[in-house]
Amino acid sequence: MSGSPDCNIDRTFIYQFNIQPIIKKASTPNKTYKNPIFLAKEYKKMINLGEVKNQAELARIKGIPMARVTQILNLLKLDKSIIDNLEQIGNPMDGKVISERELRKIIHLS
């Protein structure tokens, strides 16, 4: 015998497709922005009540750099009238009305 061996080979192929259903993600709620003055007052209150020992511990708990804690607390050095106006915006703010970074520029002016 020469050539290929005599054998019966079934040359039928079977394909299997697994189609996953499309899962729609839940819509994310609108982002809210915390009023920087309220945030500064919250941080100051935590320190004054002894919930945290100092700014370094507060930074560790919040997961932010200590310099950022200092920047936020420095907002309380603004003029009383500016702080009052910013508090009237409310907390949380619907949109990004004003940021801490923008307020930082006027701290040195007041």
N, C-alpha and C. Protein backbone atom coordinates (compact mmCIF):
# COMPACT_ATOMS: atom_id res chain seq x y z
N MET A 1 0.83 -1.18 0.00
CA MET A 1 0.00 0.00 0.00
C MET A 1 0.87 1.24 0.00
N SER A 2 0.56 2.08 -0.85
CA SER A 2 1.29 3.33 -0.89
C SER A 2 0.30 4.48 -0.72
N GLY A 3 0.83 5.63 -0.32
CA GLY A 3 -0.03 6.79 -0.13
C GLY A 3 -0.60 6.85 1.28
N SER A 4 -1.66 7.59 1.42
CA SER A 4 -2.28 7.80 2.73
C SER A 4 -2.99 6.54 3.16
N PRO A 5 -3.02 6.36 4.48
CA PRO A 5 -3.73 5.19 4.96
C PRO A 5 -5.23 5.33 4.72
N ASP A 6 -5.85 4.22 4.62
CA ASP A 6 -7.29 4.22 4.43
C ASP A 6 -7.96 4.59 5.74
N CYS A 7 -8.61 5.70 5.80
CA CYS A 7 -9.33 6.06 7.01
C CYS A 7 -10.51 6.93 6.64
N ASN A 8 -11.48 6.84 7.44
CA ASN A 8 -12.68 7.62 7.26
C ASN A 8 -12.57 8.88 8.13
N ILE A 9 -12.36 10.02 7.54
CA ILE A 9 -12.23 11.26 8.30
C ILE A 9 -13.48 12.10 8.07
N ASP A 10 -14.11 12.47 9.17
CA ASP A 10 -15.28 13.33 9.09
C ASP A 10 -14.78 14.77 9.05
N ARG A 11 -15.03 15.47 8.00
CA ARG A 11 -14.51 16.82 7.83
C ARG A 11 -15.58 17.88 8.13
N THR A 12 -16.46 17.61 9.03
CA THR A 12 -17.48 18.56 9.42
C THR A 12 -16.97 19.35 10.63
N PHE A 13 -17.08 20.66 10.55
CA PHE A 13 -16.62 21.52 11.64
C PHE A 13 -17.82 22.11 12.37
N ILE A 14 -17.66 22.26 13.67
CA ILE A 14 -18.72 22.85 14.47
C ILE A 14 -18.18 24.14 15.08
N TYR A 15 -18.89 25.23 14.87
CA TYR A 15 -18.52 26.51 15.46
C TYR A 15 -19.55 26.87 16.52
N GLN A 16 -19.05 27.41 17.59
CA GLN A 16 -19.96 27.81 18.64
C GLN A 16 -19.69 29.28 18.96
N PHE A 17 -20.72 30.09 18.90
CA PHE A 17 -20.60 31.52 19.18
C PHE A 17 -21.34 31.83 20.47
N ASN A 18 -20.67 32.53 21.35
CA ASN A 18 -21.31 32.99 22.58
C ASN A 18 -21.50 34.49 22.46
N ILE A 19 -22.70 34.92 22.31
CA ILE A 19 -22.99 36.34 22.16
C ILE A 19 -23.49 36.85 23.51
N GLN A 20 -22.72 37.77 24.05
CA GLN A 20 -23.07 38.35 25.35
C GLN A 20 -24.08 39.47 25.15
N PRO A 21 -25.07 39.54 26.01
CA PRO A 21 -26.03 40.64 25.90
C PRO A 21 -25.34 41.96 26.26
N ILE A 22 -25.77 43.02 25.63
CA ILE A 22 -25.21 44.34 25.91
C ILE A 22 -25.85 44.87 27.18
N ILE A 23 -25.00 45.16 28.15
CA ILE A 23 -25.48 45.67 29.43
C ILE A 23 -25.22 47.17 29.45
N LYS A 24 -26.27 47.93 29.59
CA LYS A 24 -26.12 49.38 29.64
C LYS A 24 -25.71 49.78 31.05
N LYS A 25 -24.72 50.64 31.10
CA LYS A 25 -24.27 51.15 32.40
C LYS A 25 -25.31 52.12 32.94
N ALA A 26 -25.44 52.09 34.24
CA ALA A 26 -26.35 53.04 34.87
C ALA A 26 -25.83 54.45 34.65
N SER A 27 -26.73 55.35 34.40
CA SER A 27 -26.29 56.72 34.17
C SER A 27 -25.67 57.28 35.44
N THR A 28 -24.56 57.95 35.26
CA THR A 28 -23.87 58.52 36.42
C THR A 28 -24.58 59.81 36.82
N PRO A 29 -24.73 60.01 38.10
CA PRO A 29 -25.40 61.24 38.54
C PRO A 29 -24.54 62.45 38.19
N ASN A 30 -25.20 63.59 38.06
CA ASN A 30 -24.46 64.82 37.77
C ASN A 30 -23.45 65.08 38.87
N LYS A 31 -22.27 65.50 38.45
CA LYS A 31 -21.22 65.77 39.42
C LYS A 31 -21.58 67.01 40.23
N THR A 32 -21.37 66.91 41.53
CA THR A 32 -21.61 68.06 42.38
C THR A 32 -20.26 68.59 42.85
N TYR A 33 -20.20 69.86 43.04
CA TYR A 33 -18.97 70.51 43.47
C TYR A 33 -19.15 71.05 44.88
N LYS A 34 -18.22 70.71 45.74
CA LYS A 34 -18.27 71.18 47.12
C LYS A 34 -17.77 72.62 47.16
N ASN A 35 -18.51 73.46 47.84
CA ASN A 35 -18.12 74.86 48.00
C ASN A 35 -16.82 74.90 48.79
N PRO A 36 -15.77 75.53 48.26
CA PRO A 36 -14.47 75.53 48.95
C PRO A 36 -14.50 76.14 50.35
N ILE A 37 -15.39 77.09 50.58
CA ILE A 37 -15.49 77.71 51.91
C ILE A 37 -16.05 76.70 52.91
N PHE A 38 -17.06 75.95 52.50
CA PHE A 38 -17.62 74.92 53.37
C PHE A 38 -16.58 73.84 53.66
N LEU A 39 -15.79 73.51 52.66
CA LEU A 39 -14.73 72.52 52.83
C LEU A 39 -13.70 73.02 53.83
N ALA A 40 -13.31 74.29 53.71
CA ALA A 40 -12.34 74.88 54.64
C ALA A 40 -12.89 74.88 56.06
N LYS A 41 -14.16 75.23 56.21
CA LYS A 41 -14.77 75.24 57.55
C LYS A 41 -14.87 73.82 58.12
N GLU A 42 -15.14 72.86 57.27
CA GLU A 42 -15.21 71.46 57.71
C GLU A 42 -13.83 71.00 58.22
N TYR A 43 -12.78 71.33 57.48
CA TYR A 43 -11.42 70.95 57.89
C TYR A 43 -11.04 71.62 59.20
N LYS A 44 -11.36 72.92 59.32
CA LYS A 44 -11.04 73.67 60.54
C LYS A 44 -11.77 73.08 61.74
N LYS A 45 -13.03 72.70 61.53
CA LYS A 45 -13.84 72.11 62.60
C LYS A 45 -13.24 70.78 63.06
N MET A 46 -12.78 69.96 62.10
CA MET A 46 -12.17 68.67 62.45
C MET A 46 -10.94 68.87 63.32
N ILE A 47 -10.15 69.89 63.00
CA ILE A 47 -8.94 70.17 63.79
C ILE A 47 -9.32 70.71 65.16
N ASN A 48 -10.25 71.66 65.21
CA ASN A 48 -10.65 72.28 66.48
C ASN A 48 -11.31 71.29 67.44
N LEU A 49 -12.10 70.36 66.91
CA LEU A 49 -12.78 69.38 67.77
C LEU A 49 -11.88 68.22 68.17
N GLY A 50 -10.69 68.19 67.61
CA GLY A 50 -9.76 67.12 67.96
C GLY A 50 -10.00 65.82 67.23
N GLU A 51 -10.82 65.86 66.17
CA GLU A 51 -11.03 64.65 65.37
C GLU A 51 -9.73 64.23 64.70
N VAL A 52 -8.91 65.22 64.39
CA VAL A 52 -7.56 64.98 63.87
C VAL A 52 -6.59 65.83 64.69
N LYS A 53 -5.36 65.35 64.81
CA LYS A 53 -4.38 66.08 65.63
C LYS A 53 -3.91 67.36 64.95
N ASN A 54 -3.67 67.25 63.65
CA ASN A 54 -3.09 68.39 62.94
C ASN A 54 -3.40 68.27 61.45
N GLN A 55 -2.85 69.20 60.68
CA GLN A 55 -3.09 69.22 59.24
C GLN A 55 -2.50 67.99 58.56
N ALA A 56 -1.38 67.50 59.06
CA ALA A 56 -0.75 66.33 58.46
C ALA A 56 -1.66 65.10 58.58
N GLU A 57 -2.27 64.93 59.74
CA GLU A 57 -3.17 63.79 59.92
C GLU A 57 -4.42 63.95 59.07
N LEU A 58 -4.91 65.18 58.97
CA LEU A 58 -6.08 65.46 58.13
C LEU A 58 -5.77 65.11 56.68
N ALA A 59 -4.58 65.49 56.23
CA ALA A 59 -4.17 65.19 54.86
C ALA A 59 -4.12 63.68 54.62
N ARG A 60 -3.59 62.95 55.60
CA ARG A 60 -3.52 61.49 55.48
C ARG A 60 -4.91 60.88 55.38
N ILE A 61 -5.82 61.34 56.23
CA ILE A 61 -7.18 60.79 56.25
C ILE A 61 -7.90 61.09 54.93
N LYS A 62 -7.76 62.30 54.44
CA LYS A 62 -8.46 62.71 53.21
C LYS A 62 -7.75 62.21 51.95
N GLY A 63 -6.50 61.77 52.09
CA GLY A 63 -5.77 61.28 50.93
C GLY A 63 -5.32 62.38 49.99
N ILE A 64 -5.00 63.54 50.57
CA ILE A 64 -4.53 64.67 49.78
C ILE A 64 -3.22 65.17 50.37
N PRO A 65 -2.43 65.91 49.59
CA PRO A 65 -1.18 66.44 50.14
C PRO A 65 -1.44 67.48 51.23
N MET A 66 -0.49 67.60 52.13
CA MET A 66 -0.63 68.57 53.22
C MET A 66 -0.69 70.00 52.68
N ALA A 67 0.02 70.25 51.60
CA ALA A 67 -0.02 71.59 50.99
C ALA A 67 -1.44 71.93 50.55
N ARG A 68 -2.17 70.94 50.07
CA ARG A 68 -3.56 71.17 49.64
C ARG A 68 -4.44 71.52 50.84
N VAL A 69 -4.22 70.85 51.97
CA VAL A 69 -4.98 71.17 53.19
C VAL A 69 -4.70 72.61 53.59
N THR A 70 -3.44 73.01 53.54
CA THR A 70 -3.06 74.39 53.88
C THR A 70 -3.73 75.38 52.95
N GLN A 71 -3.74 75.08 51.65
CA GLN A 71 -4.37 75.98 50.69
C GLN A 71 -5.86 76.15 50.99
N ILE A 72 -6.51 75.05 51.32
CA ILE A 72 -7.95 75.12 51.61
C ILE A 72 -8.20 75.91 52.89
N LEU A 73 -7.41 75.64 53.93
CA LEU A 73 -7.59 76.37 55.20
C LEU A 73 -7.28 77.85 55.05
N ASN A 74 -6.38 78.21 54.14
CA ASN A 74 -6.05 79.62 53.92
C ASN A 74 -7.24 80.41 53.39
N LEU A 75 -8.24 79.73 52.84
CA LEU A 75 -9.43 80.43 52.35
C LEU A 75 -10.15 81.15 53.47
N LEU A 76 -9.98 80.67 54.69
CA LEU A 76 -10.63 81.31 55.83
C LEU A 76 -9.99 82.65 56.17
N LYS A 77 -8.88 82.99 55.51
CA LYS A 77 -8.23 84.28 55.71
C LYS A 77 -8.83 85.36 54.80
N LEU A 78 -9.76 84.96 53.94
CA LEU A 78 -10.41 85.93 53.07
C LEU A 78 -11.24 86.90 53.90
N ASP A 79 -11.54 88.04 53.30
CA ASP A 79 -12.40 89.03 53.94
C ASP A 79 -13.72 88.38 54.33
N LYS A 80 -14.27 88.80 55.45
CA LYS A 80 -15.53 88.23 55.94
C LYS A 80 -16.64 88.40 54.91
N SER A 81 -16.67 89.54 54.22
CA SER A 81 -17.72 89.78 53.22
C SER A 81 -17.61 88.80 52.05
N ILE A 82 -16.39 88.47 51.66
CA ILE A 82 -16.19 87.51 50.56
C ILE A 82 -16.65 86.13 51.00
N ILE A 83 -16.29 85.75 52.22
CA ILE A 83 -16.70 84.44 52.74
C ILE A 83 -18.22 84.35 52.81
N ASP A 84 -18.87 85.43 53.28
CA ASP A 84 -20.33 85.44 53.37
C ASP A 84 -20.98 85.28 52.00
N ASN A 85 -20.43 85.99 51.00
CA ASN A 85 -20.97 85.88 49.64
C ASN A 85 -20.79 84.48 49.08
N LEU A 86 -19.65 83.87 49.36
CA LEU A 86 -19.41 82.52 48.87
C LEU A 86 -20.31 81.50 49.56
N GLU A 87 -20.62 81.74 50.82
CA GLU A 87 -21.52 80.83 51.53
C GLU A 87 -22.94 80.89 50.97
N GLN A 88 -23.32 82.04 50.43
CA GLN A 88 -24.66 82.19 49.87
C GLN A 88 -24.86 81.35 48.61
N ILE A 89 -23.76 80.97 47.97
CA ILE A 89 -23.86 80.11 46.78
C ILE A 89 -24.46 78.76 47.17
N GLY A 90 -24.15 78.32 48.38
CA GLY A 90 -24.68 77.05 48.87
C GLY A 90 -23.67 75.92 48.73
N ASN A 91 -24.05 74.79 49.29
CA ASN A 91 -23.19 73.62 49.24
C ASN A 91 -24.07 72.39 49.16
N PRO A 92 -23.89 71.49 48.24
CA PRO A 92 -22.93 71.55 47.15
C PRO A 92 -23.41 72.49 46.05
N MET A 93 -22.48 72.91 45.23
CA MET A 93 -22.80 73.81 44.14
C MET A 93 -23.27 72.97 42.95
N ASP A 94 -24.21 73.49 42.18
CA ASP A 94 -24.72 72.76 41.01
C ASP A 94 -23.65 72.62 39.94
N GLY A 95 -22.88 73.64 39.77
CA GLY A 95 -21.80 73.62 38.79
C GLY A 95 -20.55 74.16 39.43
N LYS A 96 -19.50 74.16 38.66
CA LYS A 96 -18.24 74.66 39.20
C LYS A 96 -18.29 76.19 39.11
N VAL A 97 -18.88 76.80 40.12
CA VAL A 97 -19.05 78.25 40.14
C VAL A 97 -17.71 78.93 40.36
N ILE A 98 -17.01 78.48 41.38
CA ILE A 98 -15.69 79.04 41.68
C ILE A 98 -14.87 77.96 42.35
N SER A 99 -13.60 77.94 42.03
CA SER A 99 -12.74 76.90 42.59
C SER A 99 -11.82 77.50 43.65
N GLU A 100 -11.25 76.63 44.43
CA GLU A 100 -10.30 77.06 45.45
C GLU A 100 -9.12 77.74 44.79
N ARG A 101 -8.72 77.25 43.65
CA ARG A 101 -7.57 77.81 42.94
C ARG A 101 -7.83 79.27 42.54
N GLU A 102 -9.05 79.56 42.11
CA GLU A 102 -9.38 80.93 41.75
C GLU A 102 -9.42 81.83 42.98
N LEU A 103 -9.89 81.29 44.09
CA LEU A 103 -9.95 82.06 45.33
C LEU A 103 -8.55 82.31 45.90
N ARG A 104 -7.65 81.39 45.64
CA ARG A 104 -6.29 81.50 46.17
C ARG A 104 -5.63 82.80 45.70
N LYS A 105 -5.98 83.23 44.49
CA LYS A 105 -5.38 84.45 43.94
C LYS A 105 -5.76 85.70 44.74
N ILE A 106 -6.97 85.70 45.32
CA ILE A 106 -7.40 86.91 46.03
C ILE A 106 -7.11 86.87 47.53
N ILE A 107 -6.60 85.75 48.02
CA ILE A 107 -6.26 85.68 49.44
C ILE A 107 -5.21 86.73 49.78
N HIS A 108 -4.25 86.88 48.90
CA HIS A 108 -3.16 87.82 49.16
C HIS A 108 -3.61 89.28 49.01
N LEU A 109 -4.72 89.49 48.33
CA LEU A 109 -5.22 90.85 48.14
C LEU A 109 -6.06 91.33 49.33
N SER A 110 -6.65 90.38 50.05
CA SER A 110 -7.53 90.79 51.15
C SER A 110 -6.78 90.93 52.46
